[in-house]
């Protein structure tokens, strides 16, 4: 491949991955065309893209970018899976697909500047997404407040129900027996 063609590919990678801050690197080697097409279609339906990259050219293109660390896991035939809501969503989908596609091999992942190895991708898929983490934090914050509100309102409700029961007895003409 000539130097101008290589430079053109590097520029194409820079442009294509300019906004990417996290992704997963996989190997699609050994996957037949129909399975590969089904995998790509499933991922595309979830706003995830797959791009097969030339390792040396990708390393040059990613130098100085947010995904530069992924250069460390580029070994052998590599494809970058990116897009979706979060890298956790990508990891979850790929782990799910790997159960059906035994040839799918994980190379690594990058999330918020942290590089995950191939053996850590399953653990990454179990991380909460940003929305899930925010919901959990909100629940943790609100839980004590709900308990305090229940504690404050509980006795008042009990007294109110006793007063209402006494009122109903008096309206019906029943006699109230004092507690001895």
Protein backbone atom coordinates (compact mmCIF):
# COMPACT_ATOMS: atom_id res chain seq x y z
CA UNK A 1 0.00 0.00 0.00
CA UNK A 2 1.45 3.36 -0.99
CA UNK A 3 2.17 6.12 1.48
CA UNK A 4 -0.56 8.46 0.10
CA UNK A 5 -3.16 5.70 0.46
CA UNK A 6 -2.04 5.00 4.02
CA UNK A 7 -2.24 8.71 4.86
CA UNK A 8 -5.73 8.81 3.38
CA UNK A 9 -6.82 5.89 5.57
CA UNK A 10 -5.28 7.51 8.66
CA UNK A 11 -7.18 10.73 7.96
CA UNK A 12 -10.36 8.73 7.43
CA UNK A 13 -9.86 7.05 10.83
CA UNK A 14 -9.20 10.40 12.51
CA UNK A 15 -12.36 11.85 11.07
CA UNK A 16 -14.51 8.77 11.78
CA UNK A 17 -13.36 8.31 15.38
CA UNK A 18 -12.94 11.99 16.34
CA UNK A 19 -15.95 11.99 18.69
CA UNK A 20 -15.41 8.47 20.08
CA UNK A 21 -14.35 8.45 23.74
CA UNK A 22 -14.92 4.80 24.55
CA UNK A 23 -15.20 1.59 22.58
CA UNK A 24 -14.61 -2.16 22.54
CA UNK A 25 -12.07 -3.93 20.33
CA UNK A 26 -13.00 -7.42 19.12
CA UNK A 27 -11.78 -9.95 16.60
CA UNK A 28 -14.28 -11.13 14.01
CA UNK A 29 -11.90 -13.74 12.60
CA UNK A 30 -13.58 -17.05 11.83
CA UNK A 31 -17.11 -15.66 11.82
CA UNK A 32 -18.96 -16.53 8.62
CA UNK A 33 -20.49 -13.78 6.49
CA UNK A 34 -24.12 -14.39 7.47
CA UNK A 35 -23.34 -14.41 11.21
CA UNK A 36 -21.16 -11.32 10.79
CA UNK A 37 -23.99 -9.55 8.95
CA UNK A 38 -26.51 -10.56 11.66
CA UNK A 39 -24.14 -9.30 14.39
CA UNK A 40 -23.64 -5.97 12.63
CA UNK A 41 -27.39 -5.64 12.03
CA UNK A 42 -28.17 -6.31 15.69
CA UNK A 43 -25.58 -3.77 16.80
CA UNK A 44 -26.75 -1.20 14.22
CA UNK A 45 -30.29 -1.53 15.59
CA UNK A 46 -28.89 -0.32 18.92
CA UNK A 47 -26.91 2.57 17.36
CA UNK A 48 -23.62 0.68 17.60
CA UNK A 49 -21.15 0.53 14.74
CA UNK A 50 -18.45 -1.96 13.83
CA UNK A 51 -15.37 -0.90 11.88
CA UNK A 52 -12.53 -3.26 10.97
CA UNK A 53 -9.25 -1.36 11.31
CA UNK A 54 -5.68 -1.81 10.15
CA UNK A 55 -3.74 -1.88 13.42
CA UNK A 56 -0.72 0.23 12.44
CA UNK A 57 -2.80 2.88 10.74
CA UNK A 58 -5.29 2.98 13.62
CA UNK A 59 -2.44 3.49 16.09
CA UNK A 60 -1.24 6.48 14.05
CA UNK A 61 -4.74 7.91 13.74
CA UNK A 62 -5.59 7.50 17.42
CA UNK A 63 -2.36 9.06 18.68
CA UNK A 64 -3.25 11.99 20.91
CA UNK A 65 -6.99 11.20 20.96
CA UNK A 66 -9.33 9.97 23.68
CA UNK A 67 -9.05 6.38 22.42
CA UNK A 68 -5.26 6.27 22.14
CA UNK A 69 -5.08 3.63 24.90
CA UNK A 70 -6.95 1.16 22.69
CA UNK A 71 -3.77 0.92 20.61
CA UNK A 72 -2.42 -1.40 23.31
CA UNK A 73 -5.05 -4.07 22.56
CA UNK A 74 -4.74 -3.94 18.76
CA UNK A 75 -3.27 -7.35 18.05
CA UNK A 76 -4.20 -9.44 15.04
CA UNK A 77 -7.42 -8.82 13.13
CA UNK A 78 -9.25 -6.08 15.01
CA UNK A 79 -12.62 -4.39 14.77
CA UNK A 80 -13.71 -1.38 16.79
CA UNK A 81 -17.27 -1.42 18.18
CA UNK A 82 -18.44 2.04 19.20
CA UNK A 83 -21.56 4.17 19.55
CA UNK A 84 -24.63 3.28 21.58
CA UNK A 85 -25.43 5.00 24.84
CA UNK A 86 -22.37 3.82 26.78
CA UNK A 87 -19.48 1.38 26.55
CA UNK A 88 -21.29 -0.73 29.16
CA UNK A 89 -24.20 -1.15 26.72
CA UNK A 90 -21.75 -2.25 24.01
CA UNK A 91 -20.09 -4.71 26.39
CA UNK A 92 -23.46 -6.13 27.46
CA UNK A 93 -24.55 -6.65 23.86
CA UNK A 94 -21.23 -8.23 22.83
CA UNK A 95 -21.20 -10.57 25.83
CA UNK A 96 -24.74 -11.58 24.93
CA UNK A 97 -23.77 -12.16 21.29
CA UNK A 98 -20.63 -14.10 22.28
CA UNK A 99 -22.87 -16.75 23.87
CA UNK A 100 -24.18 -17.53 20.37
CA UNK A 101 -21.04 -16.70 18.37
CA UNK A 102 -18.16 -18.69 19.83
CA UNK A 103 -15.64 -17.20 17.35
CA UNK A 104 -16.19 -13.66 18.68
CA UNK A 105 -13.07 -12.75 20.66
CA UNK A 106 -12.66 -9.76 22.94
CA UNK A 107 -9.45 -7.76 22.76
CA UNK A 108 -10.22 -4.98 25.22
CA UNK A 109 -12.36 -1.95 25.99
CA UNK A 110 -11.91 1.68 26.95
CA UNK A 111 -14.35 3.48 29.21
CA UNK A 112 -13.75 6.94 30.67
CA UNK A 113 -9.99 6.63 30.25
CA UNK A 114 -9.75 3.19 31.85
CA UNK A 115 -8.54 0.29 29.72
CA UNK A 116 -10.14 -3.12 30.30
CA UNK A 117 -8.47 -6.32 29.13
CA UNK A 118 -10.27 -9.12 27.29
CA UNK A 119 -10.90 -11.06 30.50
CA UNK A 120 -12.45 -7.97 32.15
CA UNK A 121 -15.10 -7.34 29.49
CA UNK A 122 -17.63 -9.60 31.20
CA UNK A 123 -17.13 -7.63 34.42
CA UNK A 124 -17.53 -4.37 32.48
CA UNK A 125 -20.85 -5.61 31.13
CA UNK A 126 -22.10 -5.92 34.72
CA UNK A 127 -21.32 -2.27 35.55
CA UNK A 128 -24.32 0.01 35.81
CA UNK A 129 -24.81 2.46 32.98
CA UNK A 130 -24.70 6.17 33.77
CA UNK A 131 -28.52 6.35 34.01
CA UNK A 132 -28.65 3.26 36.24
CA UNK A 133 -25.91 4.64 38.51
CA UNK A 134 -27.71 7.99 38.81
CA UNK A 135 -30.96 6.22 39.67
CA UNK A 136 -29.19 4.15 42.33
CA UNK A 137 -27.55 7.24 43.82
CA UNK A 138 -30.87 9.07 43.85
CA UNK A 139 -32.53 6.14 45.60
CA UNK A 140 -29.77 6.06 48.22
CA UNK A 141 -30.17 9.80 48.81
CA UNK A 142 -33.98 9.73 49.00
CA UNK A 143 -34.32 6.58 51.13
CA UNK A 144 -33.45 8.21 54.50
CA UNK A 145 -35.80 11.11 53.70
CA UNK A 146 -38.64 8.70 52.99
CA UNK A 147 -37.96 6.90 56.26
CA UNK A 148 -37.97 10.18 58.18
CA UNK A 149 -41.23 11.27 56.57
CA UNK A 150 -42.82 7.93 57.42
CA UNK A 151 -41.59 8.17 61.00
CA UNK A 152 -42.93 11.70 61.35
CA UNK A 153 -46.29 11.01 59.74
CA UNK A 154 -46.91 7.53 61.21
CA UNK A 155 -47.87 8.54 64.78
CA UNK A 156 -49.99 11.45 63.48
CA UNK A 157 -51.92 9.08 61.23
CA UNK A 158 -52.47 6.69 64.13
CA UNK A 159 -53.85 9.49 66.34
CA UNK A 160 -56.03 10.76 63.49
CA UNK A 161 -57.52 7.28 62.99
CA UNK A 162 -58.27 7.02 66.73
CA UNK A 163 -59.97 10.44 66.75
CA UNK A 164 -62.03 9.46 63.72
CA UNK A 165 -63.10 6.19 65.36
CA UNK A 166 -64.18 8.08 68.48
CA UNK A 167 -66.06 10.61 66.34
CA UNK A 168 -67.90 7.85 64.46
CA UNK A 169 -68.92 6.16 67.73
CA UNK A 170 -70.25 9.42 69.09
CA UNK A 171 -72.20 10.09 65.87
CA UNK A 172 -73.88 6.70 66.13
CA UNK A 173 -74.73 7.32 69.74
CA UNK A 174 -72.39 4.65 71.09
CA UNK A 175 -70.86 5.14 74.48
CA UNK A 176 -67.11 5.44 74.72
CA UNK A 177 -65.49 3.34 77.42
CA UNK A 178 -62.45 5.02 78.95
CA UNK A 179 -59.32 2.96 79.13
CA UNK A 180 -58.62 1.74 82.63
